[in-house]
Amino acid sequence: MLGIGRYIAFHTDHLVVVYAAFLFIINALGILNTVITADTGTIASKNEIGKLFGILQASESAAGMVGPVLGGTISHYLGKDAPLLAVVGIYTFLFFFMSWGYDGLVLYITPQDFF
């Protein structure tokens, strides 16, 4: 849904279609972020939860700074559709990871598994 919505929004000239596509994208991201935040909170102890969320927020902020530069570089060297294809590829990978590996890799990890 995320990849298809971005593809449609990128290739249309109609503002209504862009808003309709982003309606689905925003809802999907809201659901996905809520699930990831709730599940991430279970892998840290009460004493470390603030540190964990601080690291996650810093990573998200860094991605917000690096992403546009990386997207512009990819677009410059590989063509204007390359950043879109990269994002759709990442969404596809995340879809399969969430569908088949997320339960075993994230939900049941305890802090003791790291040591």
N, C-alpha and C. Protein backbone atom coordinates (compact mmCIF):
# COMPACT_ATOMS: atom_id res chain seq x y z
N MET A 1 0.83 -1.18 0.00
CA MET A 1 0.00 0.00 0.00
C MET A 1 0.87 1.25 0.00
N LEU A 2 1.95 1.23 0.81
CA LEU A 2 2.82 2.40 0.86
C LEU A 2 3.51 2.63 -0.47
N GLY A 3 4.06 1.57 -1.04
CA GLY A 3 4.78 1.69 -2.31
C GLY A 3 3.87 2.06 -3.46
N ILE A 4 2.71 1.45 -3.53
CA ILE A 4 1.77 1.75 -4.61
C ILE A 4 1.29 3.19 -4.51
N GLY A 5 0.99 3.64 -3.30
CA GLY A 5 0.54 5.02 -3.11
C GLY A 5 1.59 6.03 -3.53
N ARG A 6 2.84 5.77 -3.18
CA ARG A 6 3.91 6.69 -3.59
C ARG A 6 4.10 6.68 -5.10
N TYR A 7 4.03 5.51 -5.71
CA TYR A 7 4.18 5.41 -7.16
C TYR A 7 3.08 6.19 -7.88
N ILE A 8 1.85 6.01 -7.42
CA ILE A 8 0.72 6.72 -8.04
C ILE A 8 0.87 8.23 -7.85
N ALA A 9 1.20 8.65 -6.65
CA ALA A 9 1.35 10.09 -6.38
C ALA A 9 2.47 10.71 -7.20
N PHE A 10 3.52 9.94 -7.45
CA PHE A 10 4.67 10.45 -8.20
C PHE A 10 4.36 10.60 -9.69
N HIS A 11 3.53 9.71 -10.22
CA HIS A 11 3.30 9.68 -11.66
C HIS A 11 1.99 10.31 -12.12
N THR A 12 1.30 11.00 -11.26
CA THR A 12 0.03 11.61 -11.67
C THR A 12 0.17 13.14 -11.74
N ASP A 13 -0.71 13.74 -12.52
CA ASP A 13 -0.75 15.19 -12.61
C ASP A 13 -1.97 15.77 -11.90
N HIS A 14 -2.80 14.92 -11.30
CA HIS A 14 -4.04 15.35 -10.69
C HIS A 14 -3.87 15.47 -9.17
N LEU A 15 -4.15 16.63 -8.66
CA LEU A 15 -3.98 16.89 -7.24
C LEU A 15 -4.89 16.01 -6.38
N VAL A 16 -6.09 15.73 -6.83
CA VAL A 16 -7.02 14.89 -6.07
C VAL A 16 -6.46 13.48 -5.93
N VAL A 17 -5.84 12.98 -6.99
CA VAL A 17 -5.25 11.64 -6.94
C VAL A 17 -4.07 11.62 -5.97
N VAL A 18 -3.28 12.68 -5.95
CA VAL A 18 -2.16 12.76 -5.01
C VAL A 18 -2.68 12.73 -3.57
N TYR A 19 -3.71 13.53 -3.27
CA TYR A 19 -4.27 13.54 -1.92
C TYR A 19 -4.88 12.19 -1.56
N ALA A 20 -5.55 11.55 -2.49
CA ALA A 20 -6.13 10.23 -2.23
C ALA A 20 -5.03 9.20 -1.95
N ALA A 21 -3.96 9.24 -2.73
CA ALA A 21 -2.85 8.31 -2.52
C ALA A 21 -2.20 8.54 -1.15
N PHE A 22 -1.99 9.81 -0.81
CA PHE A 22 -1.35 10.11 0.47
C PHE A 22 -2.27 9.82 1.65
N LEU A 23 -3.56 9.81 1.45
CA LEU A 23 -4.48 9.40 2.50
C LEU A 23 -4.18 7.97 2.94
N PHE A 24 -3.98 7.08 1.98
CA PHE A 24 -3.64 5.69 2.30
C PHE A 24 -2.23 5.58 2.89
N ILE A 25 -1.29 6.34 2.35
CA ILE A 25 0.08 6.29 2.84
C ILE A 25 0.14 6.74 4.31
N ILE A 26 -0.51 7.84 4.63
CA ILE A 26 -0.47 8.37 6.00
C ILE A 26 -1.14 7.40 6.98
N ASN A 27 -2.25 6.81 6.59
CA ASN A 27 -2.91 5.84 7.47
C ASN A 27 -2.03 4.62 7.68
N ALA A 28 -1.43 4.11 6.62
CA ALA A 28 -0.57 2.93 6.75
C ALA A 28 0.65 3.22 7.62
N LEU A 29 1.26 4.38 7.43
CA LEU A 29 2.41 4.74 8.27
C LEU A 29 2.01 4.92 9.73
N GLY A 30 0.85 5.49 9.97
CA GLY A 30 0.38 5.65 11.35
C GLY A 30 0.18 4.31 12.04
N ILE A 31 -0.41 3.37 11.34
CA ILE A 31 -0.61 2.03 11.91
C ILE A 31 0.73 1.34 12.13
N LEU A 32 1.60 1.40 11.14
CA LEU A 32 2.91 0.75 11.22
C LEU A 32 3.75 1.34 12.34
N ASN A 33 3.79 2.66 12.44
CA ASN A 33 4.58 3.30 13.50
C ASN A 33 4.04 2.98 14.88
N THR A 34 2.74 2.90 15.04
CA THR A 34 2.15 2.55 16.33
C THR A 34 2.54 1.15 16.75
N VAL A 35 2.46 0.21 15.84
CA VAL A 35 2.82 -1.18 16.14
C VAL A 35 4.30 -1.29 16.48
N ILE A 36 5.14 -0.66 15.69
CA ILE A 36 6.58 -0.73 15.94
C ILE A 36 6.94 -0.08 17.28
N THR A 37 6.35 1.05 17.59
CA THR A 37 6.63 1.72 18.86
C THR A 37 6.17 0.87 20.04
N ALA A 38 5.00 0.28 19.94
CA ALA A 38 4.49 -0.57 21.03
C ALA A 38 5.37 -1.80 21.23
N ASP A 39 5.78 -2.43 20.13
CA ASP A 39 6.61 -3.62 20.24
C ASP A 39 8.02 -3.30 20.69
N THR A 40 8.54 -2.17 20.29
CA THR A 40 9.88 -1.79 20.69
C THR A 40 9.94 -1.53 22.19
N GLY A 41 8.87 -1.03 22.73
CA GLY A 41 8.83 -0.77 24.16
C GLY A 41 8.92 -2.02 25.01
N THR A 42 8.68 -3.18 24.42
CA THR A 42 8.74 -4.43 25.18
C THR A 42 10.13 -5.04 25.21
N ILE A 43 11.08 -4.53 24.42
CA ILE A 43 12.40 -5.17 24.40
C ILE A 43 13.40 -4.52 25.35
N ALA A 44 13.01 -3.45 26.00
CA ALA A 44 13.91 -2.78 26.94
C ALA A 44 13.31 -2.82 28.34
N SER A 45 14.19 -2.80 29.32
CA SER A 45 13.72 -2.78 30.71
C SER A 45 13.19 -1.38 31.04
N LYS A 46 12.53 -1.26 32.17
CA LYS A 46 11.97 0.03 32.58
C LYS A 46 13.06 1.09 32.75
N ASN A 47 14.24 0.67 33.15
CA ASN A 47 15.33 1.63 33.36
C ASN A 47 15.96 2.09 32.05
N GLU A 48 15.77 1.34 30.96
CA GLU A 48 16.43 1.65 29.70
C GLU A 48 15.47 2.12 28.60
N ILE A 49 14.18 2.21 28.89
CA ILE A 49 13.21 2.53 27.86
C ILE A 49 13.40 3.94 27.30
N GLY A 50 13.72 4.90 28.16
CA GLY A 50 13.95 6.27 27.70
C GLY A 50 15.16 6.35 26.78
N LYS A 51 16.21 5.64 27.13
CA LYS A 51 17.42 5.60 26.30
C LYS A 51 17.12 4.98 24.94
N LEU A 52 16.36 3.90 24.95
CA LEU A 52 16.00 3.22 23.70
C LEU A 52 15.21 4.15 22.79
N PHE A 53 14.19 4.79 23.33
CA PHE A 53 13.38 5.68 22.50
C PHE A 53 14.17 6.92 22.07
N GLY A 54 15.12 7.37 22.88
CA GLY A 54 16.00 8.47 22.48
C GLY A 54 16.86 8.09 21.28
N ILE A 55 17.40 6.86 21.31
CA ILE A 55 18.21 6.37 20.18
C ILE A 55 17.34 6.21 18.94
N LEU A 56 16.13 5.69 19.10
CA LEU A 56 15.24 5.53 17.96
C LEU A 56 14.86 6.88 17.35
N GLN A 57 14.59 7.87 18.19
CA GLN A 57 14.25 9.20 17.69
C GLN A 57 15.43 9.85 17.00
N ALA A 58 16.63 9.68 17.56
CA ALA A 58 17.83 10.23 16.93
C ALA A 58 18.07 9.57 15.58
N SER A 59 17.83 8.26 15.49
CA SER A 59 17.98 7.56 14.21
C SER A 59 16.98 8.06 13.19
N GLU A 60 15.75 8.27 13.62
CA GLU A 60 14.73 8.78 12.71
C GLU A 60 15.08 10.20 12.24
N SER A 61 15.59 11.02 13.12
CA SER A 61 16.00 12.38 12.75
C SER A 61 17.17 12.35 11.77
N ALA A 62 18.14 11.47 12.02
CA ALA A 62 19.28 11.34 11.11
C ALA A 62 18.83 10.88 9.74
N ALA A 63 17.89 9.94 9.71
CA ALA A 63 17.36 9.48 8.42
C ALA A 63 16.65 10.60 7.69
N GLY A 64 15.99 11.49 8.42
CA GLY A 64 15.32 12.63 7.81
C GLY A 64 16.30 13.62 7.20
N MET A 65 17.53 13.64 7.70
CA MET A 65 18.56 14.52 7.13
C MET A 65 19.31 13.85 5.99
N VAL A 66 19.63 12.58 6.16
CA VAL A 66 20.43 11.86 5.16
C VAL A 66 19.57 11.43 3.97
N GLY A 67 18.31 11.09 4.21
CA GLY A 67 17.43 10.58 3.16
C GLY A 67 17.29 11.48 1.95
N PRO A 68 16.98 12.77 2.12
CA PRO A 68 16.86 13.64 0.96
C PRO A 68 18.16 13.80 0.17
N VAL A 69 19.28 13.85 0.89
CA VAL A 69 20.57 13.96 0.21
C VAL A 69 20.85 12.69 -0.58
N LEU A 70 20.61 11.55 0.04
CA LEU A 70 20.80 10.26 -0.64
C LEU A 70 19.85 10.13 -1.82
N GLY A 71 18.59 10.53 -1.64
CA GLY A 71 17.62 10.47 -2.73
C GLY A 71 18.02 11.37 -3.89
N GLY A 72 18.51 12.57 -3.60
CA GLY A 72 18.97 13.47 -4.65
C GLY A 72 20.17 12.92 -5.39
N THR A 73 21.09 12.30 -4.66
CA THR A 73 22.27 11.70 -5.28
C THR A 73 21.87 10.53 -6.18
N ILE A 74 20.98 9.69 -5.68
CA ILE A 74 20.50 8.56 -6.48
C ILE A 74 19.80 9.07 -7.73
N SER A 75 18.98 10.09 -7.59
CA SER A 75 18.27 10.66 -8.73
C SER A 75 19.23 11.25 -9.75
N HIS A 76 20.26 11.91 -9.27
CA HIS A 76 21.23 12.55 -10.17
C HIS A 76 21.97 11.50 -11.00
N TYR A 77 22.39 10.42 -10.37
CA TYR A 77 23.21 9.43 -11.06
C TYR A 77 22.42 8.32 -11.74
N LEU A 78 21.24 7.99 -11.23
CA LEU A 78 20.51 6.83 -11.76
C LEU A 78 19.19 7.19 -12.44
N GLY A 79 18.77 8.43 -12.40
CA GLY A 79 17.52 8.83 -13.04
C GLY A 79 16.46 9.22 -12.04
N LYS A 80 15.45 9.91 -12.53
CA LYS A 80 14.44 10.48 -11.63
C LYS A 80 13.55 9.43 -10.97
N ASP A 81 13.41 8.23 -11.55
CA ASP A 81 12.58 7.20 -10.94
C ASP A 81 13.34 6.35 -9.91
N ALA A 82 14.65 6.45 -9.88
CA ALA A 82 15.46 5.59 -9.01
C ALA A 82 15.15 5.77 -7.51
N PRO A 83 15.01 6.99 -6.98
CA PRO A 83 14.68 7.11 -5.56
C PRO A 83 13.33 6.49 -5.22
N LEU A 84 12.35 6.67 -6.10
CA LEU A 84 11.04 6.06 -5.89
C LEU A 84 11.15 4.54 -5.86
N LEU A 85 11.90 3.97 -6.80
CA LEU A 85 12.08 2.52 -6.82
C LEU A 85 12.83 2.03 -5.59
N ALA A 86 13.78 2.82 -5.10
CA ALA A 86 14.49 2.44 -3.88
C ALA A 86 13.55 2.41 -2.68
N VAL A 87 12.69 3.42 -2.56
CA VAL A 87 11.73 3.48 -1.45
C VAL A 87 10.74 2.32 -1.55
N VAL A 88 10.23 2.06 -2.74
CA VAL A 88 9.29 0.94 -2.92
C VAL A 88 9.99 -0.38 -2.61
N GLY A 89 11.25 -0.51 -2.98
CA GLY A 89 12.02 -1.71 -2.64
C GLY A 89 12.17 -1.89 -1.14
N ILE A 90 12.45 -0.80 -0.44
CA ILE A 90 12.57 -0.87 1.03
C ILE A 90 11.23 -1.24 1.65
N TYR A 91 10.13 -0.66 1.16
CA TYR A 91 8.81 -1.01 1.66
C TYR A 91 8.50 -2.49 1.41
N THR A 92 8.90 -3.00 0.26
CA THR A 92 8.67 -4.41 -0.06
C THR A 92 9.44 -5.30 0.90
N PHE A 93 10.71 -4.96 1.15
CA PHE A 93 11.51 -5.72 2.11
C PHE A 93 10.87 -5.69 3.49
N LEU A 94 10.45 -4.51 3.94
CA LEU A 94 9.83 -4.39 5.26
C LEU A 94 8.52 -5.17 5.34
N PHE A 95 7.76 -5.19 4.24
CA PHE A 95 6.52 -5.96 4.22
C PHE A 95 6.81 -7.44 4.46
N PHE A 96 7.79 -7.99 3.74
CA PHE A 96 8.10 -9.40 3.92
C PHE A 96 8.72 -9.67 5.28
N PHE A 97 9.55 -8.76 5.77
CA PHE A 97 10.13 -8.92 7.11
C PHE A 97 9.04 -8.92 8.18
N MET A 98 8.10 -7.98 8.06
CA MET A 98 7.02 -7.90 9.04
C MET A 98 6.08 -9.10 8.93
N SER A 99 5.91 -9.62 7.72
CA SER A 99 5.00 -10.74 7.53
C SER A 99 5.57 -12.07 8.01
N TRP A 100 6.87 -12.27 7.79
CA TRP A 100 7.41 -13.60 8.07
C TRP A 100 8.51 -13.66 9.11
N GLY A 101 9.15 -12.56 9.47
CA GLY A 101 10.24 -12.67 10.41
C GLY A 101 10.11 -11.83 11.66
N TYR A 102 9.17 -10.93 11.68
CA TYR A 102 9.07 -9.95 12.77
C TYR A 102 8.78 -10.61 14.11
N ASP A 103 7.86 -11.55 14.15
CA ASP A 103 7.50 -12.19 15.42
C ASP A 103 8.69 -12.86 16.07
N GLY A 104 9.47 -13.60 15.30
CA GLY A 104 10.60 -14.33 15.86
C GLY A 104 11.80 -13.46 16.16
N LEU A 105 11.99 -12.39 15.41
CA LEU A 105 13.19 -11.59 15.57
C LEU A 105 13.03 -10.42 16.53
N VAL A 106 11.85 -9.86 16.65
CA VAL A 106 11.68 -8.66 17.47
C VAL A 106 10.83 -8.91 18.70
N LEU A 107 9.68 -9.51 18.54
CA LEU A 107 8.73 -9.60 19.63
C LEU A 107 9.21 -10.42 20.82
N TYR A 108 10.01 -11.42 20.57
CA TYR A 108 10.39 -12.32 21.67
C TYR A 108 11.83 -12.14 22.11
N ILE A 109 12.45 -11.03 21.76
CA ILE A 109 13.81 -10.75 22.20
C ILE A 109 13.75 -10.11 23.57
N THR A 110 14.61 -10.58 24.45
CA THR A 110 14.72 -10.00 25.77
C THR A 110 16.10 -9.36 25.90
N PRO A 111 16.31 -8.46 26.85
CA PRO A 111 17.63 -7.85 27.01
C PRO A 111 18.74 -8.89 27.24
N GLN A 112 18.41 -10.03 27.83
CA GLN A 112 19.40 -11.06 28.07
C GLN A 112 19.91 -11.69 26.77
N ASP A 113 19.11 -11.61 25.70
CA ASP A 113 19.53 -12.18 24.42
C ASP A 113 20.72 -11.45 23.82
N PHE A 114 20.97 -10.22 24.25
CA PHE A 114 22.08 -9.45 23.70
C PHE A 114 23.40 -9.73 24.41
N PHE A 115 23.35 -10.39 25.55
CA PHE A 115 24.57 -10.61 26.34
C PHE A 115 24.91 -12.07 26.44
